[in-house]
Amino acid sequence: MPPSSALSKRGGGDGGDGILAAISRSQVAAHGREAATMAKKLLRSTGKAAWIAGTTFLVLVVPLIIEMDREQQLNDLELQQQTLLGGPPSPAAK
């Protein structure tokens, strides 16, 4: 008996696998694979952009916020000390 193809063994010889194979080779499937590849690249580049934005924020913006908070606390402390010593509050502290 000559060796039969794997398609005919699985599909019973009615051509059912041939249809699936034809669909997987179709232009719609090719466009779907291409879209999936592009989506994967887009997701990867978006992740890289998010990493860059996040680290930039941590390196540049967070220290600025901390320094502004320290400056505000220092101004509040000076205003409180002036009030306790009985002097009029300075116009710059208002």
PDB file of N, CA and C in Angstrom:
ATOM      1  N   MET A   1       0.854  -1.176   0.000  1.00  0.00           N
ATOM      2  CA  MET A   1       0.000   0.000   0.000  1.00  0.00           C
ATOM      3  C   MET A   1       0.896   1.233   0.000  1.00  0.00           C
ATOM      4  N   PRO A   2       0.667   2.173  -0.913  1.00  0.00           N
ATOM      5  CA  PRO A   2       1.499   3.368  -0.969  1.00  0.00           C
ATOM      6  C   PRO A   2       1.225   4.242   0.244  1.00  0.00           C
ATOM      7  N   PRO A   3       2.267   4.970   0.704  1.00  0.00           N
ATOM      8  CA  PRO A   3       2.053   5.835   1.877  1.00  0.00           C
ATOM      9  C   PRO A   3       1.057   6.942   1.558  1.00  0.00           C
ATOM     10  N   SER A   4       0.083   7.068   2.397  1.00  0.00           N
ATOM     11  CA  SER A   4      -0.906   8.125   2.190  1.00  0.00           C
ATOM     12  C   SER A   4      -0.481   9.363   2.963  1.00  0.00           C
ATOM     13  N   SER A   5      -0.976  10.493   2.560  1.00  0.00           N
ATOM     14  CA  SER A   5      -0.589  11.751   3.204  1.00  0.00           C
ATOM     15  C   SER A   5      -1.225  11.875   4.580  1.00  0.00           C
ATOM     16  N   ALA A   6      -0.598  12.689   5.406  1.00  0.00           N
ATOM     17  CA  ALA A   6      -1.111  12.903   6.756  1.00  0.00           C
ATOM     18  C   ALA A   6      -2.462  13.589   6.710  1.00  0.00           C
ATOM     19  N   LEU A   7      -2.692  14.379   5.666  1.00  0.00           N
ATOM     20  CA  LEU A   7      -3.980  15.064   5.557  1.00  0.00           C
ATOM     21  C   LEU A   7      -5.102  14.069   5.345  1.00  0.00           C
ATOM     22  N   SER A   8      -4.865  13.110   4.508  1.00  0.00           N
ATOM     23  CA  SER A   8      -5.936  12.166   4.247  1.00  0.00           C
ATOM     24  C   SER A   8      -6.158  11.255   5.440  1.00  0.00           C
ATOM     25  N   LYS A   9      -5.121  10.973   6.238  1.00  0.00           N
ATOM     26  CA  LYS A   9      -5.296  10.159   7.437  1.00  0.00           C
ATOM     27  C   LYS A   9      -6.128  10.901   8.465  1.00  0.00           C
ATOM     28  N   ARG A  10      -5.830  12.181   8.666  1.00  0.00           N
ATOM     29  CA  ARG A  10      -6.542  12.946   9.696  1.00  0.00           C
ATOM     30  C   ARG A  10      -7.939  13.335   9.238  1.00  0.00           C
ATOM     31  N   GLY A  11      -8.064  13.741   8.037  1.00  0.00           N
ATOM     32  CA  GLY A  11      -9.338  14.270   7.572  1.00  0.00           C
ATOM     33  C   GLY A  11     -10.256  13.235   7.005  1.00  0.00           C
ATOM     34  N   GLY A  12      -9.848  11.998   6.979  1.00  0.00           N
ATOM     35  CA  GLY A  12     -10.719  10.983   6.431  1.00  0.00           C
ATOM     36  C   GLY A  12     -10.762  11.026   4.920  1.00  0.00           C
ATOM     37  N   GLY A  13      -9.923  11.837   4.287  1.00  0.00           N
ATOM     38  CA  GLY A  13      -9.862  11.877   2.841  1.00  0.00           C
ATOM     39  C   GLY A  13     -10.936  12.721   2.199  1.00  0.00           C
ATOM     40  N   ASP A  14     -11.737  13.440   2.983  1.00  0.00           N
ATOM     41  CA  ASP A  14     -12.815  14.236   2.388  1.00  0.00           C
ATOM     42  C   ASP A  14     -12.399  15.653   2.042  1.00  0.00           C
ATOM     43  N   GLY A  15     -11.134  16.014   2.297  1.00  0.00           N
ATOM     44  CA  GLY A  15     -10.662  17.345   1.918  1.00  0.00           C
ATOM     45  C   GLY A  15     -10.919  18.397   2.971  1.00  0.00           C
ATOM     46  N   GLY A  16     -11.334  18.041   4.163  1.00  0.00           N
ATOM     47  CA  GLY A  16     -11.599  18.995   5.230  1.00  0.00           C
ATOM     48  C   GLY A  16     -10.347  19.740   5.646  1.00  0.00           C
ATOM     49  N   ASP A  17      -9.231  19.038   5.757  1.00  0.00           N
ATOM     50  CA  ASP A  17      -7.973  19.694   6.105  1.00  0.00           C
ATOM     51  C   ASP A  17      -7.482  20.563   4.965  1.00  0.00           C
ATOM     52  N   GLY A  18      -7.835  20.230   3.770  1.00  0.00           N
ATOM     53  CA  GLY A  18      -7.447  21.050   2.633  1.00  0.00           C
ATOM     54  C   GLY A  18      -8.071  22.426   2.709  1.00  0.00           C
ATOM     55  N   ILE A  19      -9.280  22.481   3.197  1.00  0.00           N
ATOM     56  CA  ILE A  19      -9.956  23.776   3.348  1.00  0.00           C
ATOM     57  C   ILE A  19      -9.264  24.594   4.425  1.00  0.00           C
ATOM     58  N   LEU A  20      -8.942  23.947   5.564  1.00  0.00           N
ATOM     59  CA  LEU A  20      -8.245  24.663   6.632  1.00  0.00           C
ATOM     60  C   LEU A  20      -6.882  25.142   6.170  1.00  0.00           C
ATOM     61  N   ALA A  21      -6.190  24.311   5.418  1.00  0.00           N
ATOM     62  CA  ALA A  21      -4.876  24.698   4.901  1.00  0.00           C
ATOM     63  C   ALA A  21      -5.017  25.856   3.923  1.00  0.00           C
ATOM     64  N   ALA A  22      -6.051  25.820   3.108  1.00  0.00           N
ATOM     65  CA  ALA A  22      -6.270  26.911   2.151  1.00  0.00           C
ATOM     66  C   ALA A  22      -6.593  28.210   2.872  1.00  0.00           C
ATOM     67  N   ILE A  23      -7.385  28.097   3.943  1.00  0.00           N
ATOM     68  CA  ILE A  23      -7.736  29.298   4.716  1.00  0.00           C
ATOM     69  C   ILE A  23      -6.496  29.868   5.380  1.00  0.00           C
ATOM     70  N   SER A  24      -5.651  28.987   5.940  1.00  0.00           N
ATOM     71  CA  SER A  24      -4.458  29.481   6.626  1.00  0.00           C
ATOM     72  C   SER A  24      -3.467  30.103   5.648  1.00  0.00           C
ATOM     73  N   ARG A  25      -3.549  29.736   4.383  1.00  0.00           N
ATOM     74  CA  ARG A  25      -2.677  30.347   3.371  1.00  0.00           C
ATOM     75  C   ARG A  25      -3.341  31.537   2.682  1.00  0.00           C
ATOM     76  N   SER A  26      -4.558  31.855   3.058  1.00  0.00           N
ATOM     77  CA  SER A  26      -5.295  32.907   2.369  1.00  0.00           C
ATOM     78  C   SER A  26      -4.741  34.288   2.708  1.00  0.00           C
ATOM     79  N   GLN A  27      -5.163  35.265   1.943  1.00  0.00           N
ATOM     80  CA  GLN A  27      -4.710  36.644   2.155  1.00  0.00           C
ATOM     81  C   GLN A  27      -5.254  37.201   3.467  1.00  0.00           C
ATOM     82  N   VAL A  28      -6.439  36.775   3.863  1.00  0.00           N
ATOM     83  CA  VAL A  28      -7.012  37.256   5.124  1.00  0.00           C
ATOM     84  C   VAL A  28      -6.136  36.807   6.290  1.00  0.00           C
ATOM     85  N   ALA A  29      -5.720  35.541   6.257  1.00  0.00           N
ATOM     86  CA  ALA A  29      -4.854  35.036   7.317  1.00  0.00           C
ATOM     87  C   ALA A  29      -3.505  35.739   7.283  1.00  0.00           C
ATOM     88  N   ALA A  30      -3.000  36.016   6.109  1.00  0.00           N
ATOM     89  CA  ALA A  30      -1.717  36.716   5.993  1.00  0.00           C
ATOM     90  C   ALA A  30      -1.826  38.122   6.569  1.00  0.00           C
ATOM     91  N   HIS A  31      -2.925  38.803   6.276  1.00  0.00           N
ATOM     92  CA  HIS A  31      -3.131  40.141   6.831  1.00  0.00           C
ATOM     93  C   HIS A  31      -3.300  40.079   8.348  1.00  0.00           C
ATOM     94  N   GLY A  32      -3.959  39.041   8.834  1.00  0.00           N
ATOM     95  CA  GLY A  32      -4.114  38.875  10.274  1.00  0.00           C
ATOM     96  C   GLY A  32      -2.779  38.664  10.960  1.00  0.00           C
ATOM     97  N   ARG A  33      -1.919  37.837  10.367  1.00  0.00           N
ATOM     98  CA  ARG A  33      -0.591  37.632  10.940  1.00  0.00           C
ATOM     99  C   ARG A  33       0.227  38.915  10.902  1.00  0.00           C
ATOM    100  N   GLU A  34       0.111  39.646   9.814  1.00  0.00           N
ATOM    101  CA  GLU A  34       0.830  40.925   9.693  1.00  0.00           C
ATOM    102  C   GLU A  34       0.331  41.924  10.739  1.00  0.00           C
ATOM    103  N   ALA A  35      -0.971  41.982  10.954  1.00  0.00           N
ATOM    104  CA  ALA A  35      -1.538  42.887  11.960  1.00  0.00           C
ATOM    105  C   ALA A  35      -1.082  42.485  13.358  1.00  0.00           C
ATOM    106  N   ALA A  36      -1.021  41.184  13.618  1.00  0.00           N
ATOM    107  CA  ALA A  36      -0.563  40.722  14.931  1.00  0.00           C
ATOM    108  C   ALA A  36       0.896  41.094  15.154  1.00  0.00           C
ATOM    109  N   THR A  37       1.717  40.979  14.121  1.00  0.00           N
ATOM    110  CA  THR A  37       3.127  41.350  14.227  1.00  0.00           C
ATOM    111  C   THR A  37       3.270  42.849  14.485  1.00  0.00           C
ATOM    112  N   MET A  38       2.501  43.645  13.769  1.00  0.00           N
ATOM    113  CA  MET A  38       2.564  45.097  13.961  1.00  0.00           C
ATOM    114  C   MET A  38       2.066  45.483  15.357  1.00  0.00           C
ATOM    115  N   ALA A  39       1.028  44.812  15.835  1.00  0.00           N
ATOM    116  CA  ALA A  39       0.519  45.100  17.176  1.00  0.00           C
ATOM    117  C   ALA A  39       1.569  44.756  18.232  1.00  0.00           C
ATOM    118  N   LYS A  40       2.268  43.664  18.023  1.00  0.00           N
ATOM    119  CA  LYS A  40       3.320  43.269  18.961  1.00  0.00           C
ATOM    120  C   LYS A  40       4.439  44.306  18.981  1.00  0.00           C
ATOM    121  N   LYS A  41       4.838  44.799  17.812  1.00  0.00           N
ATOM    122  CA  LYS A  41       5.883  45.827  17.733  1.00  0.00           C
ATOM    123  C   LYS A  41       5.405  47.118  18.393  1.00  0.00           C
ATOM    124  N   LEU A  42       4.150  47.481  18.153  1.00  0.00           N
ATOM    125  CA  LEU A  42       3.588  48.692  18.747  1.00  0.00           C
ATOM    126  C   LEU A  42       3.545  48.581  20.266  1.00  0.00           C
ATOM    127  N   LEU A  43       3.137  47.423  20.749  1.00  0.00           N
ATOM    128  CA  LEU A  43       3.083  47.210  22.193  1.00  0.00           C
ATOM    129  C   LEU A  43       4.477  47.292  22.807  1.00  0.00           C
ATOM    130  N   ARG A  44       5.450  46.726  22.125  1.00  0.00           N
ATOM    131  CA  ARG A  44       6.815  46.768  22.638  1.00  0.00           C
ATOM    132  C   ARG A  44       7.334  48.207  22.655  1.00  0.00           C
ATOM    133  N   SER A  45       7.102  48.974  21.591  1.00  0.00           N
ATOM    134  CA  SER A  45       7.590  50.354  21.552  1.00  0.00           C
ATOM    135  C   SER A  45       6.831  51.235  22.547  1.00  0.00           C
ATOM    136  N   THR A  46       5.561  50.951  22.760  1.00  0.00           N
ATOM    137  CA  THR A  46       4.794  51.697  23.759  1.00  0.00           C
ATOM    138  C   THR A  46       5.339  51.426  25.155  1.00  0.00           C
ATOM    139  N   GLY A  47       5.700  50.188  25.417  1.00  0.00           N
ATOM    140  CA  GLY A  47       6.291  49.840  26.700  1.00  0.00           C
ATOM    141  C   GLY A  47       7.622  50.554  26.916  1.00  0.00           C
ATOM    142  N   LYS A  48       8.416  50.631  25.858  1.00  0.00           N
ATOM    143  CA  LYS A  48       9.690  51.353  25.963  1.00  0.00           C
ATOM    144  C   LYS A  48       9.459  52.833  26.232  1.00  0.00           C
ATOM    145  N   ALA A  49       8.487  53.409  25.553  1.00  0.00           N
ATOM    146  CA  ALA A  49       8.180  54.827  25.762  1.00  0.00           C
ATOM    147  C   ALA A  49       7.675  55.072  27.187  1.00  0.00           C
ATOM    148  N   ALA A  50       6.866  54.163  27.702  1.00  0.00           N
ATOM    149  CA  ALA A  50       6.371  54.301  29.074  1.00  0.00           C
ATOM    150  C   ALA A  50       7.524  54.190  30.070  1.00  0.00           C
ATOM    151  N   TRP A  51       8.475  53.309  29.810  1.00  0.00           N
ATOM    152  CA  TRP A  51       9.643  53.167  30.685  1.00  0.00           C
ATOM    153  C   TRP A  51      10.453  54.458  30.684  1.00  0.00           C
ATOM    154  N   ILE A  52      10.677  55.027  29.510  1.00  0.00           N
ATOM    155  CA  ILE A  52      11.456  56.266  29.402  1.00  0.00           C
ATOM    156  C   ILE A  52      10.736  57.399  30.134  1.00  0.00           C
ATOM    157  N   ALA A  53       9.430  57.522  29.921  1.00  0.00           N
ATOM    158  CA  ALA A  53       8.672  58.588  30.588  1.00  0.00           C
ATOM    159  C   ALA A  53       8.674  58.404  32.106  1.00  0.00           C
ATOM    160  N   GLY A  54       8.514  57.181  32.563  1.00  0.00           N
ATOM    161  CA  GLY A  54       8.491  56.927  33.998  1.00  0.00           C
ATOM    162  C   GLY A  54       9.820  57.216  34.666  1.00  0.00           C
ATOM    163  N   THR A  55      10.909  56.777  34.063  1.00  0.00           N
ATOM    164  CA  THR A  55      12.215  57.022  34.674  1.00  0.00           C
ATOM    165  C   THR A  55      12.581  58.500  34.604  1.00  0.00           C
ATOM    166  N   THR A  56      12.204  59.169  33.530  1.00  0.00           N
ATOM    167  CA  THR A  56      12.457  60.604  33.435  1.00  0.00           C
ATOM    168  C   THR A  56      11.703  61.347  34.527  1.00  0.00           C
ATOM    169  N   PHE A  57      10.455  60.951  34.766  1.00  0.00           N
ATOM    170  CA  PHE A  57       9.666  61.567  35.826  1.00  0.00           C
ATOM    171  C   PHE A  57      10.337  61.361  37.177  1.00  0.00           C
ATOM    172  N   LEU A  58      10.793  60.138  37.434  1.00  0.00           N
ATOM    173  CA  LEU A  58      11.434  59.854  38.722  1.00  0.00           C
ATOM    174  C   LEU A  58      12.722  60.633  38.904  1.00  0.00           C
ATOM    175  N   VAL A  59      13.496  60.778  37.846  1.00  0.00           N
ATOM    176  CA  VAL A  59      14.800  61.436  37.961  1.00  0.00           C
ATOM    177  C   VAL A  59      14.672  62.955  38.019  1.00  0.00           C
ATOM    178  N   LEU A  60      13.748  63.528  37.268  1.00  0.00           N
ATOM    179  CA  LEU A  60      13.670  64.986  37.162  1.00  0.00           C
ATOM    180  C   LEU A  60      12.557  65.621  37.998  1.00  0.00           C
ATOM    181  N   VAL A  61      11.394  65.050  38.008  1.00  0.00           N
ATOM    182  CA  VAL A  61      10.237  65.717  38.607  1.00  0.00           C
ATOM    183  C   VAL A  61      10.128  65.435  40.105  1.00  0.00           C
ATOM    184  N   VAL A  62      10.354  64.215  40.530  1.00  0.00           N
ATOM    185  CA  VAL A  62      10.205  63.886  41.954  1.00  0.00           C
ATOM    186  C   VAL A  62      11.161  64.701  42.825  1.00  0.00           C
ATOM    187  N   PRO A  63      12.454  64.822  42.479  1.00  0.00           N
ATOM    188  CA  PRO A  63      13.313  65.681  43.309  1.00  0.00           C
ATOM    189  C   PRO A  63      12.848  67.143  43.340  1.00  0.00           C
ATOM    190  N   LEU A  64      12.310  67.631  42.247  1.00  0.00           N
ATOM    191  CA  LEU A  64      11.780  68.992  42.214  1.00  0.00           C
ATOM    192  C   LEU A  64      10.605  69.141  43.185  1.00  0.00           C
ATOM    193  N   ILE A  65       9.723  68.177  43.196  1.00  0.00           N
ATOM    194  CA  ILE A  65       8.580  68.220  44.104  1.00  0.00           C
ATOM    195  C   ILE A  65       9.052  68.179  45.552  1.00  0.00           C
ATOM    196  N   ILE A  66      10.020  67.326  45.839  1.00  0.00           N
ATOM    197  CA  ILE A  66      10.551  67.224  47.202  1.00  0.00           C
ATOM    198  C   ILE A  66      11.178  68.551  47.629  1.00  0.00           C
ATOM    199  N   GLU A  67      11.953  69.167  46.744  1.00  0.00           N
ATOM    200  CA  GLU A  67      12.601  70.444  47.074  1.00  0.00           C
ATOM    201  C   GLU A  67      11.578  71.549  47.277  1.00  0.00           C
ATOM    202  N   MET A  68      10.534  71.587  46.472  1.00  0.00           N
ATOM    203  CA  MET A  68       9.485  72.593  46.647  1.00  0.00           C
ATOM    204  C   MET A  68       8.773  72.401  47.985  1.00  0.00           C
ATOM    205  N   ASP A  69       8.560  71.155  48.394  1.00  0.00           N
ATOM    206  CA  ASP A  69       7.928  70.880  49.683  1.00  0.00           C
ATOM    207  C   ASP A  69       8.833  71.330  50.825  1.00  0.00           C
ATOM    208  N   ARG A  70      10.123  71.076  50.722  1.00  0.00           N
ATOM    209  CA  ARG A  70      11.065  71.529  51.754  1.00  0.00           C
ATOM    210  C   ARG A  70      11.069  73.052  51.867  1.00  0.00           C
ATOM    211  N   GLU A  71      11.059  73.724  50.743  1.00  0.00           N
ATOM    212  CA  GLU A  71      11.055  75.187  50.736  1.00  0.00           C
ATOM    213  C   GLU A  71       9.789  75.723  51.406  1.00  0.00           C
ATOM    214  N   GLN A  72       8.650  75.077  51.112  1.00  0.00           N
ATOM    215  CA  GLN A  72       7.395  75.510  51.731  1.00  0.00           C
ATOM    216  C   GLN A  72       7.431  75.287  53.242  1.00  0.00           C
ATOM    217  N   GLN A  73       7.984  74.164  53.674  1.00  0.00           N
ATOM    218  CA  GLN A  73       8.087  73.903  55.109  1.00  0.00           C
ATOM    219  C   GLN A  73       9.000  74.924  55.789  1.00  0.00           C
ATOM    220  N   LEU A  74      10.092  75.278  55.126  1.00  0.00           N
ATOM    221  CA  LEU A  74      11.004  76.281  55.675  1.00  0.00           C
ATOM    222  C   LEU A  74      10.308  77.632  55.797  1.00  0.00           C
ATOM    223  N   ASN A  75       9.559  78.023  54.780  1.00  0.00           N
ATOM    224  CA  ASN A  75       8.819  79.288  54.835  1.00  0.00           C
ATOM    225  C   ASN A  75       7.786  79.277  55.961  1.00  0.00           C
ATOM    226  N   ASP A  76       7.079  78.157  56.133  1.00  0.00           N
ATOM    227  CA  ASP A  76       6.092  78.055  57.213  1.00  0.00           C
ATOM    228  C   ASP A  76       6.764  78.142  58.572  1.00  0.00           C
ATOM    229  N   LEU A  77       7.920  77.503  58.714  1.00  0.00           N
ATOM    230  CA  LEU A  77       8.646  77.538  59.982  1.00  0.00           C
ATOM    231  C   LEU A  77       9.111  78.956  60.311  1.00  0.00           C
ATOM    232  N   GLU A  78       9.634  79.679  59.321  1.00  0.00           N
ATOM    233  CA  GLU A  78      10.068  81.058  59.545  1.00  0.00           C
ATOM    234  C   GLU A  78       8.893  81.947  59.927  1.00  0.00           C
ATOM    235  N   LEU A  79       7.767  81.754  59.266  1.00  0.00           N
ATOM    236  CA  LEU A  79       6.574  82.537  59.599  1.00  0.00           C
ATOM    237  C   LEU A  79       6.109  82.240  61.029  1.00  0.00           C
ATOM    238  N   GLN A  80       6.153  80.973  61.410  1.00  0.00           N
ATOM    239  CA  GLN A  80       5.757  80.600  62.771  1.00  0.00           C
ATOM    240  C   GLN A  80       6.713  81.194  63.799  1.00  0.00           C
ATOM    241  N   GLN A  81       8.005  81.188  63.531  1.00  0.00           N
ATOM    242  CA  GLN A  81       8.975  81.759  64.463  1.00  0.00           C
ATOM    243  C   GLN A  81       8.777  83.263  64.598  1.00  0.00           C
ATOM    244  N   GLN A  82       8.514  83.950  63.490  1.00  0.00           N
ATOM    245  CA  GLN A  82       8.275  85.388  63.566  1.00  0.00           C
ATOM    246  C   GLN A  82       7.019  85.691  64.362  1.00  0.00           C
ATOM    247  N   THR A  83       6.007  84.867  64.212  1.00  0.00           N
ATOM    248  CA  THR A  83       4.763  85.075  64.943  1.00  0.00           C
ATOM    249  C   THR A  83       4.978  84.850  66.435  1.00  0.00           C
ATOM    250  N   LEU A  84       5.748  83.826  66.791  1.00  0.00           N
ATOM    251  CA  LEU A  84       6.012  83.532  68.199  1.00  0.00           C
ATOM    252  C   LEU A  84       6.867  84.592  68.853  1.00  0.00           C
ATOM    253  N   LEU A  85       7.797  85.201  68.106  1.00  0.00           N
ATOM    254  CA  LEU A  85       8.673  86.238  68.665  1.00  0.00           C
ATOM    255  C   LEU A  85       7.991  87.589  68.735  1.00  0.00           C
ATOM    256  N   GLY A  86       6.805  87.693  68.194  1.00  0.00           N
ATOM    257  CA  GLY A  86       6.029  88.921  68.329  1.00  0.00           C
ATOM    258  C   GLY A  86       6.261  89.934  67.220  1.00  0.00           C
ATOM    259  N   GLY A  87       7.077  89.618  66.274  1.00  0.00           N
ATOM    260  CA  GLY A  87       7.299  90.563  65.193  1.00  0.00           C
ATOM    261  C   GLY A  87       6.202  90.457  64.144  1.00  0.00           C
ATOM    262  N   PRO A  88       5.992  91.533  63.393  1.00  0.00           N
ATOM    263  CA  PRO A  88       4.986  91.469  62.327  1.00  0.00           C
ATOM    264  C   PRO A  88       5.482  90.509  61.224  1.00  0.00           C
ATOM    265  N   PRO A  89       4.598  89.770  60.625  1.00  0.00           N
ATOM    266  CA  PRO A  89       5.007  88.874  59.550  1.00  0.00           C
ATOM    267  C   PRO A  89       5.546  89.672  58.370  1.00  0.00           C
ATOM    268  N   SER A  90       6.571  89.150  57.776  1.00  0.00           N
ATOM    269  CA  SER A  90       7.182  89.853  56.627  1.00  0.00           C
ATOM    270  C   SER A  90       6.244  89.761  55.447  1.00  0.00           C
ATOM    271  N   PRO A  91       6.261  90.782  54.562  1.00  0.00           N
ATOM    272  CA  PRO A  91       5.353  90.770  53.397  1.00  0.00           C
ATOM    273  C   PRO A  91       5.676  89.623  52.427  1.00  0.00           C
ATOM    274  N   ALA A  92       6.915  89.147  52.401  1.00  0.00           N
ATOM    275  CA  ALA A  92       7.279  88.089  51.470  1.00  0.00           C
ATOM    276  C   ALA A  92       6.693  86.757  51.904  1.00  0.00           C
ATOM    277  N   ALA A  93       6.370  86.582  53.174  1.00  0.00           N
ATOM    278  CA  ALA A  93       5.861  85.323  53.690  1.00  0.00           C
ATOM    279  C   ALA A  93       4.355  85.164  53.469  1.00  0.00           C
ATOM    280  N   LYS A  94       3.663  86.212  53.061  1.00  0.00           N
ATOM    281  CA  LYS A  94       2.218  86.138  52.866  1.00  0.00           C
ATOM    282  C   LYS A  94       1.856  85.362  51.656  1.00  0.00           C
TER     283      LYS A  94
END
